């Protein structure tokens, strides 16, 4: 995590621009694979229970960016914030399940790039 704050003073109002970056590495969870042949035969998800948690998912990295603009007056503070989560739009499989209608395994991935805009007034 790293950040920098820039302060501007004008006519009794303090304005601040904050830029910060956060990075994290996660993942590598162990999981149990779905036995596709048995799942198709039974029309439901069947796992390799005899080899439970024998497989491991790939780790992933994620970086977030935050821009915050604050205006401080005598009795109020206003803040505009833009957070961009997962700036690099990295994606990795986080889970899987058996789809009986399609007769296949469906992979779920983590959420991609996500911008979040917010406005806050404090008094």
Protein backbone atom coordinates (compact mmCIF):
# COMPACT_ATOMS: atom_id res chain seq x y z
CA UNK A 1 0.00 0.00 0.00
CA UNK A 2 1.31 3.44 -0.93
CA UNK A 3 -0.22 6.88 -1.15
CA UNK A 4 0.43 10.58 -1.42
CA UNK A 5 -1.61 13.53 -0.19
CA UNK A 6 -1.48 16.96 -1.83
CA UNK A 7 -2.84 19.96 0.11
CA UNK A 8 -4.10 23.24 -1.37
CA UNK A 9 -5.20 26.20 0.78
CA UNK A 10 -7.55 28.86 -0.65
CA UNK A 11 -9.73 31.44 1.14
CA UNK A 12 -10.31 29.53 4.38
CA UNK A 13 -10.93 26.27 2.54
CA UNK A 14 -8.51 23.38 2.66
CA UNK A 15 -8.55 21.20 -0.42
CA UNK A 16 -6.83 17.84 -0.47
CA UNK A 17 -6.12 15.43 -3.28
CA UNK A 18 -5.13 11.93 -2.21
CA UNK A 19 -3.82 9.23 -4.52
CA UNK A 20 -3.24 5.72 -3.20
CA UNK A 21 -2.47 2.29 -4.59
CA UNK A 22 -2.97 -1.05 -2.89
CA UNK A 23 -1.82 -4.44 -4.07
CA UNK A 24 -2.51 -7.92 -2.81
CA UNK A 25 -1.69 -11.48 -3.70
CA UNK A 26 -4.14 -14.20 -2.76
CA UNK A 27 -5.38 -17.55 -3.90
CA UNK A 28 -3.75 -20.91 -4.07
CA UNK A 29 -6.67 -22.54 -2.24
CA UNK A 30 -6.89 -26.29 -2.29
CA UNK A 31 -10.05 -27.83 -3.75
CA UNK A 32 -11.66 -31.11 -4.79
CA UNK A 33 -12.25 -31.68 -8.50
CA UNK A 34 -15.57 -32.75 -9.98
CA UNK A 35 -15.70 -36.23 -11.50
CA UNK A 36 -17.28 -35.38 -14.85
CA UNK A 37 -18.13 -38.94 -15.94
CA UNK A 38 -19.85 -39.82 -12.63
CA UNK A 39 -21.60 -36.43 -12.55
CA UNK A 40 -23.10 -37.06 -16.00
CA UNK A 41 -24.17 -40.58 -14.99
CA UNK A 42 -25.90 -39.36 -11.79
CA UNK A 43 -27.10 -35.99 -13.24
CA UNK A 44 -25.58 -34.13 -10.27
CA UNK A 45 -22.18 -32.98 -9.12
CA UNK A 46 -19.97 -35.83 -7.91
CA UNK A 47 -16.55 -35.06 -6.48
CA UNK A 48 -13.35 -37.10 -6.19
CA UNK A 49 -13.83 -37.57 -2.44
CA UNK A 50 -10.98 -40.07 -2.20
CA UNK A 51 -8.63 -37.24 -3.31
CA UNK A 52 -10.24 -34.38 -1.37
CA UNK A 53 -8.33 -31.10 -1.58
CA UNK A 54 -5.57 -32.66 -3.67
CA UNK A 55 -5.65 -29.88 -6.29
CA UNK A 56 -4.60 -26.27 -5.84
CA UNK A 57 -5.86 -23.15 -7.65
CA UNK A 58 -3.48 -20.59 -9.12
CA UNK A 59 -2.73 -17.53 -7.00
CA UNK A 60 -3.71 -14.15 -8.39
CA UNK A 61 -2.65 -10.56 -7.85
CA UNK A 62 -4.90 -7.55 -7.65
CA UNK A 63 -4.16 -3.83 -7.59
CA UNK A 64 -6.58 -1.09 -6.52
CA UNK A 65 -6.32 2.65 -7.18
CA UNK A 66 -8.04 5.38 -5.15
CA UNK A 67 -8.40 9.08 -5.95
CA UNK A 68 -9.93 11.22 -3.20
CA UNK A 69 -10.68 14.94 -3.41
CA UNK A 70 -11.68 16.66 -0.14
CA UNK A 71 -12.90 20.18 0.51
CA UNK A 72 -12.74 21.21 4.17
CA UNK A 73 -14.61 24.34 5.28
CA UNK A 74 -15.28 25.60 8.80
CA UNK A 75 -18.36 23.42 9.44
CA UNK A 76 -18.42 20.90 6.61
CA UNK A 77 -16.23 18.50 4.70
CA UNK A 78 -17.13 17.23 1.25
CA UNK A 79 -15.38 14.29 -0.37
CA UNK A 80 -15.47 12.90 -3.88
CA UNK A 81 -13.88 9.49 -4.22
CA UNK A 82 -13.11 7.25 -7.18
CA UNK A 83 -11.93 3.74 -6.38
CA UNK A 84 -10.95 1.41 -9.18
CA UNK A 85 -10.72 -2.13 -7.91
CA UNK A 86 -8.67 -4.70 -9.81
CA UNK A 87 -7.07 -2.10 -12.11
CA UNK A 88 -5.20 -4.79 -14.07
CA UNK A 89 -8.48 -6.70 -14.66
CA UNK A 90 -6.79 -9.97 -13.68
CA UNK A 91 -9.05 -12.99 -13.58
CA UNK A 92 -8.70 -16.42 -12.05
CA UNK A 93 -11.09 -19.33 -11.48
CA UNK A 94 -12.38 -19.20 -7.91
CA UNK A 95 -14.84 -22.09 -7.93
CA UNK A 96 -16.54 -24.62 -10.17
CA UNK A 97 -19.83 -26.48 -10.24
CA UNK A 98 -21.53 -29.12 -12.36
CA UNK A 99 -24.34 -27.95 -14.69
CA UNK A 100 -26.63 -30.97 -15.21
CA UNK A 101 -28.56 -29.34 -18.08
CA UNK A 102 -25.40 -28.82 -20.13
CA UNK A 103 -23.57 -31.87 -18.80
CA UNK A 104 -20.43 -29.84 -18.18
CA UNK A 105 -18.41 -28.13 -15.49
CA UNK A 106 -18.91 -24.36 -15.17
CA UNK A 107 -16.07 -22.22 -13.81
CA UNK A 108 -16.72 -19.08 -11.76
CA UNK A 109 -14.15 -16.30 -11.98
CA UNK A 110 -13.44 -13.40 -9.66
CA UNK A 111 -14.91 -10.02 -10.45
CA UNK A 112 -12.98 -8.00 -13.03
CA UNK A 113 -12.29 -4.27 -13.06
CA UNK A 114 -14.81 -2.41 -10.87
CA UNK A 115 -15.05 1.40 -10.63
CA UNK A 116 -16.77 2.79 -7.52
CA UNK A 117 -17.69 6.48 -7.35
CA UNK A 118 -18.87 8.05 -4.10
CA UNK A 119 -19.70 11.45 -2.60
CA UNK A 120 -19.85 12.20 1.13
CA UNK A 121 -20.72 15.24 3.25
CA UNK A 122 -19.67 15.48 6.89
CA UNK A 123 -20.90 18.26 9.16
